[in-house]
Amino acid sequence: MLKPLALIAALAAVLVLGRAAPAAASGPPCWKVVVSDWYADGRIDNVYPLHCYQDALHHLPPDVKAYADASDEIERAMQAAIRDNRARLAVSDQGSTSHSKRDEPQAFAGGSGPGGGEPPRGFLSRWIDWLGPTNAGSVPLPLLVLASIALLLLAAAAASFVARRIQSRRIVPAPAPAPPPKRP
């Protein structure tokens, strides 16, 4: 009886801890931040140092390279960062005092803001976004759904087992009927 409950508790703990695991004190490597930025909505919304884009391209898994446009999006964002950096250098060479740090992420001009051109999202889309993974290191939504179905099946099996045990204790076998008298 305790084994199924312990298994259910362990699975629930793994799911909760996997969903809410705190980030490391030093933070993730910048290439992971770039990949997570792409994973969130299929595009790179921030500007990162150039080595982060190159590292992200080197660390992409083979299946993402083959079946997704992550490498194209990362290269496109890297080209935009190079173009933006050159424009900033040209402006600073002309004596402008507006200078921003190169290594800090900054908002990308094509982001999804009020004027970003994104259609309004419905309730179900917002709910799935809230429930689903927040970055590339998160537990995928289909895995969460399958785990919850598995937990429900385990709970149903445990309830059935307990009900059968209780029912078998209650049933008292009826005495066997007496054999009919023999006729001479």
N, C-alpha and C. Protein backbone atom coordinates (compact mmCIF):
# COMPACT_ATOMS: atom_id res chain seq x y z
N MET A 1 0.83 -1.20 0.00
CA MET A 1 0.00 0.00 0.00
C MET A 1 0.87 1.25 0.00
N LEU A 2 1.98 1.20 0.72
CA LEU A 2 2.83 2.38 0.82
C LEU A 2 3.70 2.57 -0.42
N LYS A 3 4.00 1.49 -1.12
CA LYS A 3 4.87 1.62 -2.31
C LYS A 3 4.23 2.48 -3.39
N PRO A 4 2.95 2.28 -3.76
CA PRO A 4 2.37 3.15 -4.79
C PRO A 4 2.29 4.61 -4.34
N LEU A 5 1.98 4.83 -3.06
CA LEU A 5 1.92 6.21 -2.57
C LEU A 5 3.30 6.85 -2.58
N ALA A 6 4.32 6.09 -2.21
CA ALA A 6 5.68 6.63 -2.24
C ALA A 6 6.10 6.93 -3.67
N LEU A 7 5.73 6.08 -4.61
CA LEU A 7 6.05 6.32 -6.01
C LEU A 7 5.36 7.57 -6.53
N ILE A 8 4.10 7.72 -6.17
CA ILE A 8 3.35 8.92 -6.61
C ILE A 8 3.97 10.17 -6.00
N ALA A 9 4.32 10.12 -4.72
CA ALA A 9 4.93 11.28 -4.08
C ALA A 9 6.27 11.61 -4.71
N ALA A 10 7.06 10.59 -5.04
CA ALA A 10 8.37 10.83 -5.66
C ALA A 10 8.21 11.46 -7.05
N LEU A 11 7.27 10.95 -7.84
CA LEU A 11 7.05 11.54 -9.17
C LEU A 11 6.57 12.98 -9.07
N ALA A 12 5.68 13.25 -8.12
CA ALA A 12 5.20 14.63 -7.95
C ALA A 12 6.34 15.54 -7.53
N ALA A 13 7.21 15.06 -6.64
CA ALA A 13 8.34 15.88 -6.20
C ALA A 13 9.29 16.16 -7.36
N VAL A 14 9.54 15.16 -8.20
CA VAL A 14 10.42 15.37 -9.35
C VAL A 14 9.83 16.41 -10.29
N LEU A 15 8.53 16.32 -10.54
CA LEU A 15 7.90 17.30 -11.43
C LEU A 15 7.94 18.70 -10.85
N VAL A 16 7.66 18.83 -9.56
CA VAL A 16 7.65 20.15 -8.94
C VAL A 16 9.05 20.72 -8.89
N LEU A 17 10.02 19.92 -8.49
CA LEU A 17 11.40 20.42 -8.41
C LEU A 17 11.97 20.70 -9.79
N GLY A 18 11.61 19.92 -10.78
CA GLY A 18 12.09 20.17 -12.13
C GLY A 18 11.51 21.45 -12.71
N ARG A 19 10.29 21.78 -12.32
CA ARG A 19 9.63 23.00 -12.83
C ARG A 19 10.14 24.24 -12.14
N ALA A 20 10.45 24.15 -10.84
CA ALA A 20 10.80 25.33 -10.08
C ALA A 20 12.25 25.31 -9.60
N ALA A 21 13.13 24.64 -10.31
CA ALA A 21 14.53 24.60 -9.90
C ALA A 21 15.14 25.98 -10.06
N PRO A 22 15.77 26.50 -9.01
CA PRO A 22 16.37 27.83 -9.11
C PRO A 22 17.59 27.82 -10.01
N ALA A 23 17.84 28.94 -10.63
CA ALA A 23 19.00 29.08 -11.50
C ALA A 23 20.27 29.10 -10.66
N ALA A 24 21.36 28.73 -11.26
CA ALA A 24 22.64 28.76 -10.56
C ALA A 24 23.02 30.19 -10.23
N ALA A 25 23.84 30.36 -9.21
CA ALA A 25 24.20 31.70 -8.75
C ALA A 25 24.92 32.48 -9.84
N SER A 26 25.75 31.81 -10.63
CA SER A 26 26.48 32.52 -11.67
C SER A 26 25.64 32.72 -12.93
N GLY A 27 24.52 32.07 -13.03
CA GLY A 27 23.66 32.19 -14.20
C GLY A 27 24.08 31.20 -15.28
N PRO A 28 23.19 30.95 -16.21
CA PRO A 28 23.52 30.01 -17.27
C PRO A 28 24.51 30.64 -18.26
N PRO A 29 25.22 29.82 -19.02
CA PRO A 29 26.12 30.37 -20.04
C PRO A 29 25.30 31.17 -21.06
N CYS A 30 25.93 32.13 -21.67
CA CYS A 30 25.19 33.02 -22.57
C CYS A 30 24.63 32.28 -23.78
N TRP A 31 25.27 31.20 -24.22
CA TRP A 31 24.73 30.46 -25.36
C TRP A 31 23.40 29.82 -25.01
N LYS A 32 23.25 29.38 -23.74
CA LYS A 32 21.97 28.82 -23.31
C LYS A 32 20.89 29.89 -23.29
N VAL A 33 21.27 31.11 -22.94
CA VAL A 33 20.31 32.21 -22.92
C VAL A 33 19.84 32.50 -24.34
N VAL A 34 20.75 32.45 -25.30
CA VAL A 34 20.38 32.68 -26.70
C VAL A 34 19.44 31.58 -27.18
N VAL A 35 19.76 30.33 -26.88
CA VAL A 35 18.90 29.21 -27.31
C VAL A 35 17.54 29.30 -26.63
N SER A 36 17.53 29.67 -25.35
CA SER A 36 16.25 29.82 -24.64
C SER A 36 15.43 30.97 -25.22
N ASP A 37 16.10 32.04 -25.63
CA ASP A 37 15.40 33.16 -26.26
C ASP A 37 14.74 32.69 -27.55
N TRP A 38 15.44 31.88 -28.34
CA TRP A 38 14.84 31.34 -29.57
C TRP A 38 13.71 30.37 -29.23
N TYR A 39 13.92 29.55 -28.22
CA TYR A 39 12.94 28.52 -27.85
C TYR A 39 11.62 29.14 -27.39
N ALA A 40 11.68 30.31 -26.78
CA ALA A 40 10.47 30.94 -26.23
C ALA A 40 9.44 31.24 -27.32
N ASP A 41 9.88 31.81 -28.44
CA ASP A 41 8.91 32.19 -29.47
C ASP A 41 9.42 32.01 -30.90
N GLY A 42 10.53 31.33 -31.07
CA GLY A 42 11.03 31.06 -32.41
C GLY A 42 11.84 32.19 -33.02
N ARG A 43 12.21 33.16 -32.22
CA ARG A 43 13.07 34.25 -32.71
C ARG A 43 13.92 34.76 -31.56
N ILE A 44 14.96 35.49 -31.91
CA ILE A 44 15.86 36.06 -30.92
C ILE A 44 15.43 37.51 -30.71
N ASP A 45 14.99 37.83 -29.49
CA ASP A 45 14.44 39.16 -29.22
C ASP A 45 15.45 40.12 -28.62
N ASN A 46 16.55 39.64 -28.06
CA ASN A 46 17.53 40.51 -27.42
C ASN A 46 18.84 40.50 -28.19
N VAL A 47 19.70 41.44 -27.86
CA VAL A 47 21.03 41.52 -28.47
C VAL A 47 22.04 41.01 -27.45
N TYR A 48 22.88 40.08 -27.88
CA TYR A 48 23.87 39.46 -27.01
C TYR A 48 25.25 39.69 -27.59
N PRO A 49 26.29 39.43 -26.80
CA PRO A 49 27.65 39.50 -27.35
C PRO A 49 27.81 38.49 -28.49
N LEU A 50 28.67 38.80 -29.44
CA LEU A 50 28.82 37.97 -30.63
C LEU A 50 29.26 36.55 -30.31
N HIS A 51 30.11 36.38 -29.31
CA HIS A 51 30.56 35.02 -28.99
C HIS A 51 29.40 34.15 -28.49
N CYS A 52 28.37 34.75 -27.93
CA CYS A 52 27.21 33.98 -27.46
C CYS A 52 26.48 33.33 -28.64
N TYR A 53 26.33 34.09 -29.74
CA TYR A 53 25.68 33.53 -30.93
C TYR A 53 26.50 32.38 -31.50
N GLN A 54 27.83 32.59 -31.57
CA GLN A 54 28.69 31.55 -32.13
C GLN A 54 28.67 30.29 -31.25
N ASP A 55 28.71 30.48 -29.93
CA ASP A 55 28.64 29.33 -29.03
C ASP A 55 27.30 28.63 -29.13
N ALA A 56 26.23 29.39 -29.29
CA ALA A 56 24.90 28.79 -29.42
C ALA A 56 24.82 27.93 -30.68
N LEU A 57 25.41 28.41 -31.76
CA LEU A 57 25.42 27.62 -33.00
C LEU A 57 26.21 26.32 -32.83
N HIS A 58 27.29 26.38 -32.07
CA HIS A 58 28.11 25.18 -31.85
C HIS A 58 27.42 24.19 -30.91
N HIS A 59 26.59 24.67 -29.98
CA HIS A 59 25.97 23.81 -28.99
C HIS A 59 24.57 23.33 -29.37
N LEU A 60 24.08 23.72 -30.53
CA LEU A 60 22.74 23.26 -30.93
C LEU A 60 22.74 21.75 -31.14
N PRO A 61 21.73 21.06 -30.61
CA PRO A 61 21.65 19.61 -30.84
C PRO A 61 21.40 19.32 -32.32
N PRO A 62 21.82 18.15 -32.80
CA PRO A 62 21.67 17.82 -34.22
C PRO A 62 20.21 17.82 -34.69
N ASP A 63 19.28 17.38 -33.82
CA ASP A 63 17.88 17.36 -34.25
C ASP A 63 17.32 18.75 -34.41
N VAL A 64 17.77 19.71 -33.59
CA VAL A 64 17.31 21.09 -33.74
C VAL A 64 17.89 21.69 -35.01
N LYS A 65 19.14 21.36 -35.32
CA LYS A 65 19.75 21.86 -36.55
C LYS A 65 19.02 21.31 -37.78
N ALA A 66 18.60 20.04 -37.70
CA ALA A 66 17.99 19.40 -38.87
C ALA A 66 16.53 19.79 -39.06
N TYR A 67 15.78 19.92 -37.97
CA TYR A 67 14.33 20.07 -38.11
C TYR A 67 13.78 21.44 -37.74
N ALA A 68 14.60 22.32 -37.21
CA ALA A 68 14.10 23.64 -36.81
C ALA A 68 14.94 24.72 -37.48
N ASP A 69 14.46 25.94 -37.39
CA ASP A 69 15.17 27.06 -38.01
C ASP A 69 16.01 27.82 -36.99
N ALA A 70 16.41 27.15 -35.92
CA ALA A 70 17.17 27.83 -34.87
C ALA A 70 18.48 28.40 -35.40
N SER A 71 19.21 27.62 -36.19
CA SER A 71 20.50 28.13 -36.68
C SER A 71 20.31 29.34 -37.58
N ASP A 72 19.26 29.33 -38.42
CA ASP A 72 18.99 30.49 -39.27
C ASP A 72 18.64 31.71 -38.43
N GLU A 73 17.81 31.52 -37.41
CA GLU A 73 17.41 32.65 -36.56
C GLU A 73 18.59 33.19 -35.76
N ILE A 74 19.44 32.30 -35.26
CA ILE A 74 20.61 32.74 -34.49
C ILE A 74 21.57 33.50 -35.40
N GLU A 75 21.78 32.99 -36.61
CA GLU A 75 22.66 33.71 -37.55
C GLU A 75 22.07 35.07 -37.94
N ARG A 76 20.75 35.11 -38.13
CA ARG A 76 20.09 36.38 -38.46
C ARG A 76 20.25 37.39 -37.32
N ALA A 77 20.08 36.93 -36.09
CA ALA A 77 20.24 37.82 -34.93
C ALA A 77 21.69 38.26 -34.78
N MET A 78 22.63 37.35 -35.08
CA MET A 78 24.04 37.71 -35.00
C MET A 78 24.37 38.79 -36.03
N GLN A 79 23.85 38.66 -37.24
CA GLN A 79 24.08 39.68 -38.26
C GLN A 79 23.47 41.02 -37.85
N ALA A 80 22.29 40.98 -37.23
CA ALA A 80 21.66 42.22 -36.75
C ALA A 80 22.50 42.84 -35.64
N ALA A 81 23.08 42.02 -34.77
CA ALA A 81 23.92 42.54 -33.69
C ALA A 81 25.19 43.16 -34.26
N ILE A 82 25.76 42.53 -35.29
CA ILE A 82 26.96 43.10 -35.93
C ILE A 82 26.61 44.44 -36.56
N ARG A 83 25.49 44.48 -37.26
CA ARG A 83 25.05 45.73 -37.91
C ARG A 83 24.80 46.81 -36.86
N ASP A 84 24.14 46.44 -35.75
CA ASP A 84 23.85 47.40 -34.69
C ASP A 84 25.13 47.88 -34.04
N ASN A 85 26.11 46.98 -33.85
CA ASN A 85 27.37 47.35 -33.24
C ASN A 85 28.15 48.31 -34.14
N ARG A 86 28.13 48.04 -35.44
CA ARG A 86 28.81 48.95 -36.39
C ARG A 86 28.15 50.32 -36.40
N ALA A 87 26.84 50.35 -36.34
CA ALA A 87 26.14 51.64 -36.32
C ALA A 87 26.47 52.40 -35.04
N ARG A 88 26.56 51.69 -33.91
CA ARG A 88 26.90 52.34 -32.64
C ARG A 88 28.32 52.88 -32.68
N LEU A 89 29.24 52.11 -33.28
CA LEU A 89 30.62 52.58 -33.39
C LEU A 89 30.71 53.81 -34.29
N ALA A 90 29.94 53.83 -35.38
CA ALA A 90 29.96 54.98 -36.28
C ALA A 90 29.42 56.21 -35.58
N VAL A 91 28.39 56.05 -34.79
CA VAL A 91 27.81 57.19 -34.06
C VAL A 91 28.78 57.68 -33.00
N SER A 92 29.46 56.74 -32.30
CA SER A 92 30.39 57.17 -31.26
C SER A 92 31.63 57.83 -31.86
N ASP A 93 32.01 57.45 -33.09
CA ASP A 93 33.15 58.09 -33.75
C ASP A 93 32.83 59.53 -34.12
N GLN A 94 31.56 59.84 -34.32
CA GLN A 94 31.17 61.20 -34.69
C GLN A 94 31.06 62.10 -33.48
N GLY A 95 31.32 61.59 -32.28
CA GLY A 95 31.32 62.43 -31.08
C GLY A 95 30.04 62.36 -30.29
N SER A 96 29.20 61.40 -30.53
CA SER A 96 27.97 61.27 -29.76
C SER A 96 28.30 60.76 -28.36
N THR A 97 27.56 61.23 -27.38
CA THR A 97 27.81 60.81 -26.01
C THR A 97 26.96 59.62 -25.61
N SER A 98 26.02 59.20 -26.46
CA SER A 98 25.18 58.05 -26.11
C SER A 98 25.96 56.77 -26.41
N HIS A 99 26.35 56.08 -25.36
CA HIS A 99 27.13 54.85 -25.51
C HIS A 99 26.57 53.83 -24.55
N SER A 100 26.34 52.62 -25.03
CA SER A 100 25.84 51.55 -24.17
C SER A 100 26.87 50.45 -24.10
N LYS A 101 26.83 49.68 -23.03
CA LYS A 101 27.79 48.58 -22.88
C LYS A 101 27.54 47.51 -23.92
N ARG A 102 28.62 46.97 -24.44
CA ARG A 102 28.50 46.00 -25.53
C ARG A 102 28.04 44.64 -25.04
N ASP A 103 28.44 44.25 -23.84
CA ASP A 103 28.16 42.91 -23.35
C ASP A 103 26.80 42.75 -22.67
N GLU A 104 26.04 43.82 -22.49
CA GLU A 104 24.74 43.70 -21.86
C GLU A 104 23.67 43.46 -22.91
N PRO A 105 22.74 42.53 -22.64
CA PRO A 105 21.63 42.33 -23.58
C PRO A 105 20.77 43.58 -23.65
N GLN A 106 20.36 43.91 -24.86
CA GLN A 106 19.51 45.07 -25.07
C GLN A 106 18.31 44.64 -25.88
N ALA A 107 17.28 45.45 -25.83
CA ALA A 107 16.06 45.13 -26.57
C ALA A 107 16.34 45.15 -28.06
N PHE A 108 15.83 44.18 -28.76
CA PHE A 108 15.99 44.08 -30.20
C PHE A 108 14.87 44.87 -30.86
N ALA A 109 15.18 45.55 -31.96
CA ALA A 109 14.20 46.43 -32.60
C ALA A 109 12.98 45.67 -33.10
N GLY A 110 13.13 44.41 -33.44
CA GLY A 110 12.01 43.65 -33.98
C GLY A 110 11.24 42.89 -32.91
N GLY A 111 11.32 43.31 -31.67
CA GLY A 111 10.68 42.59 -30.56
C GLY A 111 9.17 42.63 -30.63
N SER A 112 8.56 41.92 -29.72
CA SER A 112 7.10 41.83 -29.70
C SER A 112 6.56 42.81 -28.67
N GLY A 113 6.45 44.04 -29.02
CA GLY A 113 5.89 45.05 -28.14
C GLY A 113 4.52 45.43 -28.63
N PRO A 114 4.04 46.60 -28.18
CA PRO A 114 2.73 47.03 -28.63
C PRO A 114 2.68 47.25 -30.13
N GLY A 115 3.79 47.66 -30.72
CA GLY A 115 3.80 47.89 -32.16
C GLY A 115 4.51 46.78 -32.90
N GLY A 116 4.67 45.61 -32.26
CA GLY A 116 5.42 44.51 -32.85
C GLY A 116 4.68 43.79 -33.95
N GLY A 117 3.40 44.02 -34.14
CA GLY A 117 2.65 43.38 -35.20
C GLY A 117 2.14 42.00 -34.85
N GLU A 118 2.16 41.62 -33.59
CA GLU A 118 1.64 40.32 -33.19
C GLU A 118 0.14 40.41 -32.97
N PRO A 119 -0.63 39.41 -33.43
CA PRO A 119 -2.07 39.43 -33.18
C PRO A 119 -2.36 39.17 -31.71
N PRO A 120 -3.51 39.60 -31.22
CA PRO A 120 -3.84 39.33 -29.82
C PRO A 120 -3.98 37.83 -29.59
N ARG A 121 -3.59 37.39 -28.42
CA ARG A 121 -3.60 35.97 -28.09
C ARG A 121 -4.85 35.64 -27.29
N GLY A 122 -5.40 34.47 -27.55
CA GLY A 122 -6.59 34.02 -26.86
C GLY A 122 -6.28 33.45 -25.49
N PHE A 123 -7.35 33.12 -24.76
CA PHE A 123 -7.21 32.59 -23.41
C PHE A 123 -6.42 31.28 -23.40
N LEU A 124 -6.77 30.38 -24.30
CA LEU A 124 -6.12 29.07 -24.32
C LEU A 124 -4.63 29.19 -24.66
N SER A 125 -4.28 30.06 -25.59
CA SER A 125 -2.87 30.26 -25.95
C SER A 125 -2.09 30.83 -24.77
N ARG A 126 -2.68 31.80 -24.07
CA ARG A 126 -2.00 32.37 -22.91
C ARG A 126 -1.84 31.31 -21.81
N TRP A 127 -2.86 30.47 -21.61
CA TRP A 127 -2.82 29.45 -20.58
C TRP A 127 -1.75 28.40 -20.90
N ILE A 128 -1.66 27.99 -22.16
CA ILE A 128 -0.65 27.01 -22.57
C ILE A 128 0.75 27.62 -22.42
N ASP A 129 0.91 28.90 -22.77
CA ASP A 129 2.21 29.55 -22.59
C ASP A 129 2.59 29.61 -21.12
N TRP A 130 1.61 29.88 -20.25
CA TRP A 130 1.87 29.95 -18.82
C TRP A 130 2.24 28.57 -18.27
N LEU A 131 1.54 27.55 -18.74
CA LEU A 131 1.74 26.19 -18.25
C LEU A 131 2.99 25.56 -18.84
N GLY A 132 3.30 25.87 -20.07
CA GLY A 132 4.38 25.21 -20.79
C GLY A 132 5.75 25.64 -20.34
N PRO A 133 6.78 25.13 -21.00
CA PRO A 133 8.15 25.43 -20.62
C PRO A 133 8.49 26.88 -20.88
N THR A 134 9.38 27.42 -20.05
CA THR A 134 9.77 28.82 -20.19
C THR A 134 11.09 28.99 -20.92
N ASN A 135 11.88 27.93 -20.98
CA ASN A 135 13.14 28.00 -21.72
C ASN A 135 13.51 26.62 -22.22
N ALA A 136 14.63 26.53 -22.88
CA ALA A 136 15.02 25.27 -23.50
C ALA A 136 15.40 24.20 -22.48
N GLY A 137 15.69 24.59 -21.27
CA GLY A 137 16.06 23.63 -20.24
C GLY A 137 14.89 23.12 -19.43
N SER A 138 13.69 23.59 -19.70
CA SER A 138 12.51 23.19 -18.94
C SER A 138 11.99 21.83 -19.38
N VAL A 139 11.09 21.30 -18.56
CA VAL A 139 10.43 20.05 -18.90
C VAL A 139 9.37 20.35 -19.96
N PRO A 140 9.36 19.64 -21.09
CA PRO A 140 8.39 19.92 -22.16
C PRO A 140 6.95 19.63 -21.72
N LEU A 141 6.01 20.37 -22.26
CA LEU A 141 4.60 20.24 -21.94
C LEU A 141 4.06 18.83 -22.21
N PRO A 142 4.37 18.20 -23.36
CA PRO A 142 3.86 16.84 -23.56
C PRO A 142 4.34 15.86 -22.49
N LEU A 143 5.55 16.05 -22.00
CA LEU A 143 6.05 15.18 -20.94
C LEU A 143 5.27 15.40 -19.65
N LEU A 144 4.92 16.64 -19.36
CA LEU A 144 4.11 16.94 -18.18
C LEU A 144 2.73 16.30 -18.29
N VAL A 145 2.14 16.36 -19.49
CA VAL A 145 0.82 15.76 -19.69
C VAL A 145 0.90 14.24 -19.52
N LEU A 146 1.91 13.62 -20.12
CA LEU A 146 2.06 12.17 -19.98
C LEU A 146 2.32 11.76 -18.53
N ALA A 147 3.10 12.53 -17.82
CA ALA A 147 3.37 12.22 -16.42
C ALA A 147 2.10 12.34 -15.58
N SER A 148 1.27 13.34 -15.86
CA SER A 148 0.02 13.48 -15.09
C SER A 148 -0.94 12.33 -15.41
N ILE A 149 -0.99 11.90 -16.67
CA ILE A 149 -1.83 10.74 -17.02
C ILE A 149 -1.32 9.48 -16.33
N ALA A 150 0.00 9.32 -16.29
CA ALA A 150 0.58 8.15 -15.61
C ALA A 150 0.24 8.17 -14.12
N LEU A 151 0.30 9.36 -13.51
CA LEU A 151 -0.05 9.47 -12.10
C LEU A 151 -1.51 9.13 -11.87
N LEU A 152 -2.39 9.57 -12.75
CA LEU A 152 -3.82 9.24 -12.62
C LEU A 152 -4.04 7.74 -12.75
N LEU A 153 -3.35 7.09 -13.70
CA LEU A 153 -3.48 5.65 -13.85
C LEU A 153 -2.96 4.89 -12.62
N LEU A 154 -1.85 5.35 -12.07
CA LEU A 154 -1.33 4.73 -10.87
C LEU A 154 -2.29 4.91 -9.69
N ALA A 155 -2.89 6.09 -9.58
CA ALA A 155 -3.85 6.33 -8.51
C ALA A 155 -5.08 5.44 -8.68
N ALA A 156 -5.55 5.27 -9.91
CA ALA A 156 -6.70 4.40 -10.17
C ALA A 156 -6.37 2.96 -9.84
N ALA A 157 -5.17 2.51 -10.19
CA ALA A 157 -4.76 1.15 -9.89
C ALA A 157 -4.66 0.95 -8.37
N ALA A 158 -4.11 1.91 -7.67
CA ALA A 158 -4.01 1.81 -6.21
C ALA A 158 -5.40 1.78 -5.57
N ALA A 159 -6.32 2.60 -6.05
CA ALA A 159 -7.68 2.62 -5.52
C ALA A 159 -8.37 1.28 -5.79
N SER A 160 -8.18 0.72 -6.96
CA SER A 160 -8.77 -0.57 -7.29
C SER A 160 -8.20 -1.67 -6.39
N PHE A 161 -6.90 -1.63 -6.17
CA PHE A 161 -6.26 -2.62 -5.31
C PHE A 161 -6.80 -2.54 -3.89
N VAL A 162 -6.90 -1.33 -3.36
CA VAL A 162 -7.42 -1.13 -2.01
C VAL A 162 -8.87 -1.57 -1.93
N ALA A 163 -9.67 -1.23 -2.92
CA ALA A 163 -11.09 -1.62 -2.90
C ALA A 163 -11.23 -3.13 -2.93
N ARG A 164 -10.43 -3.82 -3.72
CA ARG A 164 -10.49 -5.27 -3.77
C ARG A 164 -10.09 -5.91 -2.45
N ARG A 165 -9.08 -5.36 -1.81
CA ARG A 165 -8.64 -5.90 -0.51
C ARG A 165 -9.72 -5.71 0.54
N ILE A 166 -10.35 -4.55 0.56
CA ILE A 166 -11.41 -4.30 1.52
C ILE A 166 -12.60 -5.21 1.24
N GLN A 167 -12.94 -5.37 0.00
CA GLN A 167 -14.07 -6.20 -0.37
C GLN A 167 -13.80 -7.68 -0.05
N SER A 168 -12.59 -8.14 -0.23
CA SER A 168 -12.29 -9.55 0.05
C SER A 168 -12.35 -9.83 1.55
N ARG A 169 -12.12 -8.84 2.37
CA ARG A 169 -12.22 -9.04 3.82
C ARG A 169 -13.67 -9.09 4.29
N ARG A 170 -14.55 -8.41 3.60
CA ARG A 170 -15.95 -8.34 4.00
C ARG A 170 -16.74 -9.58 3.60
N ILE A 171 -16.38 -10.18 2.51
CA ILE A 171 -17.17 -11.31 2.00
C ILE A 171 -16.90 -12.54 2.87
N VAL A 172 -17.95 -13.05 3.44
CA VAL A 172 -17.87 -14.26 4.24
C VAL A 172 -18.48 -15.37 3.39
N PRO A 173 -17.75 -16.43 3.15
CA PRO A 173 -18.30 -17.47 2.30
C PRO A 173 -19.51 -18.14 2.97
N ALA A 174 -20.52 -18.40 2.20
CA ALA A 174 -21.72 -19.06 2.70
C ALA A 174 -21.41 -20.53 2.94
N PRO A 175 -22.08 -21.13 3.95
CA PRO A 175 -21.82 -22.56 4.18
C PRO A 175 -22.29 -23.37 2.99
N ALA A 176 -21.59 -24.44 2.75
CA ALA A 176 -21.95 -25.30 1.62
C ALA A 176 -23.30 -25.97 1.90
N PRO A 177 -24.14 -26.08 0.89
CA PRO A 177 -25.44 -26.73 1.12
C PRO A 177 -25.24 -28.21 1.46
N ALA A 178 -26.14 -28.68 2.28
CA ALA A 178 -26.08 -30.10 2.69
C ALA A 178 -26.42 -30.97 1.50
N PRO A 179 -25.77 -32.12 1.38
CA PRO A 179 -26.09 -32.99 0.25
C PRO A 179 -27.50 -33.55 0.39
N PRO A 180 -28.16 -33.78 -0.70
CA PRO A 180 -29.53 -34.32 -0.62
C PRO A 180 -29.51 -35.73 -0.03
N PRO A 181 -30.58 -36.11 0.69
CA PRO A 181 -30.61 -37.44 1.27
C PRO A 181 -30.64 -38.50 0.19
N LYS A 182 -30.00 -39.61 0.48
CA LYS A 182 -29.94 -40.72 -0.48
C LYS A 182 -31.22 -41.51 -0.43
N ARG A 183 -31.67 -41.93 -1.55
CA ARG A 183 -32.88 -42.75 -1.65
C ARG A 183 -32.49 -44.22 -1.73
N PRO A 184 -33.20 -45.05 -0.97
CA PRO A 184 -32.84 -46.47 -1.02
C PRO A 184 -33.35 -47.16 -2.23
